[in-house]
């Protein structure tokens, strides 16, 4: 395992386009994460009335699941959702991606900023690309298990 899997997690999370957010035990739904390494939080722009919004209003538990081969990151992240009314933060995060989901764009009444504060995660991180192929080939030739990267539990 690398010396700091937590640092690697935050570094690679910035490249993740989407994962599955399961709020208060409801079915997981695709959501785009906005990583904030310095505050150790993950932001989501949700729609009012959704499971993420309801869980955030009650301070509910949630899990965020990542399987992103381009970011070379796989993780099950567990934490708490809270509702935020930080207009500046919403402006900072706003882009064409959330705009596509809201009829009136940034000014849509349904827009809700949600903060996910992780408690812990199980993380798998690899280099991907040619090193993945080399490890698979080596494992097939030697019978040894491939070393595809780092894996461990991270506490935030």
Protein backbone atom coordinates (compact mmCIF):
# COMPACT_ATOMS: atom_id res chain seq x y z
CA UNK A 1 0.00 0.00 0.00
CA UNK A 2 1.22 3.51 -0.66
CA UNK A 3 2.23 5.61 2.31
CA UNK A 4 -0.87 7.75 2.02
CA UNK A 5 -3.83 6.10 0.31
CA UNK A 6 -6.05 8.94 1.58
CA UNK A 7 -4.02 11.52 -0.39
CA UNK A 8 -4.14 9.31 -3.47
CA UNK A 9 -7.91 8.94 -3.04
CA UNK A 10 -8.48 12.70 -3.07
CA UNK A 11 -6.07 13.21 -5.97
CA UNK A 12 -7.79 10.64 -8.14
CA UNK A 13 -11.34 11.54 -7.07
CA UNK A 14 -11.01 14.87 -8.89
CA UNK A 15 -10.96 12.90 -12.17
CA UNK A 16 -14.11 10.88 -11.40
CA UNK A 17 -17.06 11.95 -13.53
CA UNK A 18 -19.79 9.97 -11.75
CA UNK A 19 -20.49 7.39 -9.11
CA UNK A 20 -23.50 5.92 -7.37
CA UNK A 21 -24.87 7.74 -4.33
CA UNK A 22 -27.12 5.76 -1.98
CA UNK A 23 -28.81 7.98 0.58
CA UNK A 24 -30.56 6.70 3.72
CA UNK A 25 -30.74 3.16 2.35
CA UNK A 26 -32.59 4.13 -0.84
CA UNK A 27 -31.52 2.83 -4.23
CA UNK A 28 -28.20 4.18 -5.52
CA UNK A 29 -28.41 6.81 -8.26
CA UNK A 30 -25.70 8.24 -10.52
CA UNK A 31 -24.30 11.54 -9.27
CA UNK A 32 -21.36 13.72 -10.28
CA UNK A 33 -18.98 14.32 -7.36
CA UNK A 34 -17.11 17.54 -6.72
CA UNK A 35 -14.13 16.70 -4.51
CA UNK A 36 -12.86 19.20 -1.95
CA UNK A 37 -9.67 17.69 -0.55
CA UNK A 38 -8.93 20.60 1.78
CA UNK A 39 -12.29 20.29 3.56
CA UNK A 40 -12.39 16.49 3.15
CA UNK A 41 -15.85 16.71 1.60
CA UNK A 42 -17.58 15.66 -1.58
CA UNK A 43 -20.21 18.01 -2.98
CA UNK A 44 -23.22 17.07 -5.08
CA UNK A 45 -25.72 19.22 -6.88
CA UNK A 46 -29.04 17.46 -6.39
CA UNK A 47 -32.66 18.18 -7.10
CA UNK A 48 -35.00 19.00 -4.25
CA UNK A 49 -37.19 16.06 -3.30
CA UNK A 50 -34.65 13.40 -4.26
CA UNK A 51 -33.25 10.83 -1.85
CA UNK A 52 -30.03 12.86 -1.55
CA UNK A 53 -32.00 16.00 -0.68
CA UNK A 54 -34.19 14.21 1.86
CA UNK A 55 -31.20 12.55 3.51
CA UNK A 56 -29.32 15.85 3.60
CA UNK A 57 -32.23 17.59 5.34
CA UNK A 58 -32.22 14.92 8.07
CA UNK A 59 -28.42 14.59 8.31
CA UNK A 60 -28.73 11.05 6.98
CA UNK A 61 -26.10 8.46 6.30
CA UNK A 62 -25.09 7.72 2.74
CA UNK A 63 -22.61 5.79 0.67
CA UNK A 64 -20.91 6.77 -2.55
CA UNK A 65 -19.57 4.03 -4.82
CA UNK A 66 -16.90 4.68 -7.42
CA UNK A 67 -15.76 2.40 -10.23
CA UNK A 68 -13.85 4.62 -12.63
CA UNK A 69 -11.24 2.95 -14.82
CA UNK A 70 -10.08 6.25 -16.34
CA UNK A 71 -9.41 7.74 -12.89
CA UNK A 72 -7.97 4.37 -11.76
CA UNK A 73 -10.10 4.57 -8.64
CA UNK A 74 -12.56 2.13 -7.10
CA UNK A 75 -14.08 2.87 -3.71
CA UNK A 76 -16.96 2.42 -1.31
CA UNK A 77 -17.21 5.64 0.68
CA UNK A 78 -19.45 5.99 3.75
CA UNK A 79 -20.48 9.23 5.42
CA UNK A 80 -23.13 11.78 6.20
CA UNK A 81 -25.11 14.14 3.98
CA UNK A 82 -26.04 17.68 4.95
CA UNK A 83 -28.04 20.34 3.18
CA UNK A 84 -26.08 23.48 2.28
CA UNK A 85 -27.30 26.91 1.26
CA UNK A 86 -23.92 28.29 0.25
CA UNK A 87 -24.58 30.29 -2.91
CA UNK A 88 -20.89 31.03 -3.45
CA UNK A 89 -20.00 27.32 -3.28
CA UNK A 90 -22.82 26.50 -5.69
CA UNK A 91 -21.54 29.16 -8.10
CA UNK A 92 -18.03 27.69 -7.80
CA UNK A 93 -19.25 24.19 -8.68
CA UNK A 94 -21.82 25.12 -11.32
CA UNK A 95 -21.04 24.01 -14.87
CA UNK A 96 -22.70 22.71 -18.01
CA UNK A 97 -23.11 19.29 -16.37
CA UNK A 98 -25.62 20.23 -13.63
CA UNK A 99 -27.13 22.89 -15.92
CA UNK A 100 -28.31 20.10 -18.23
CA UNK A 101 -30.51 18.69 -15.45
CA UNK A 102 -32.31 21.89 -14.45
CA UNK A 103 -34.81 23.63 -16.73
CA UNK A 104 -33.97 27.11 -15.43
CA UNK A 105 -30.27 26.42 -14.94
CA UNK A 106 -28.53 27.76 -11.85
CA UNK A 107 -31.64 29.78 -10.90
CA UNK A 108 -33.98 26.76 -10.92
CA UNK A 109 -35.87 26.44 -7.62
CA UNK A 110 -35.14 22.70 -7.58
CA UNK A 111 -31.35 23.15 -7.32
CA UNK A 112 -30.02 21.88 -3.98
CA UNK A 113 -26.39 21.80 -2.88
CA UNK A 114 -25.57 18.72 -0.81
CA UNK A 115 -22.42 18.16 1.23
CA UNK A 116 -21.14 14.62 1.80
CA UNK A 117 -18.71 14.26 4.70
CA UNK A 118 -17.04 10.86 4.50
CA UNK A 119 -16.25 8.89 7.65
CA UNK A 120 -14.42 6.00 6.06
CA UNK A 121 -13.84 4.24 2.77
CA UNK A 122 -12.48 1.07 1.26
CA UNK A 123 -10.28 2.13 -1.62
CA UNK A 124 -8.63 0.35 -4.52
CA UNK A 125 -6.24 2.45 -6.57
CA UNK A 126 -4.13 1.44 -9.51
CA UNK A 127 -2.02 2.85 -12.27
CA UNK A 128 -4.02 1.30 -15.11
CA UNK A 129 -2.72 1.29 -18.65
CA UNK A 130 0.37 -0.65 -19.52
CA UNK A 131 1.19 -1.60 -15.93
CA UNK A 132 -2.18 -3.38 -15.68
CA UNK A 133 -1.43 -5.39 -18.83
CA UNK A 134 2.10 -6.18 -17.62
CA UNK A 135 0.80 -7.48 -14.26
CA UNK A 136 -1.86 -9.64 -15.95
CA UNK A 137 0.70 -11.12 -18.34
CA UNK A 138 3.17 -11.75 -15.48
CA UNK A 139 0.46 -13.44 -13.39
CA UNK A 140 -0.49 -15.71 -16.28
CA UNK A 141 3.14 -16.70 -16.82
CA UNK A 142 4.11 -17.22 -13.17
CA UNK A 143 0.84 -18.28 -11.57
CA UNK A 144 1.25 -15.49 -8.99
CA UNK A 145 -1.52 -13.02 -8.21
CA UNK A 146 -1.22 -9.74 -10.12
CA UNK A 147 -0.29 -6.60 -8.19
CA UNK A 148 -2.83 -4.15 -9.57
CA UNK A 149 -2.30 -1.33 -7.11
CA UNK A 150 -3.12 -0.31 -3.60
CA UNK A 151 -6.07 -1.36 -1.47
CA UNK A 152 -7.01 -0.40 2.02
CA UNK A 153 -9.33 1.23 4.50
CA UNK A 154 -9.21 5.00 4.80
CA UNK A 155 -10.54 6.91 7.81
CA UNK A 156 -11.32 10.57 7.23
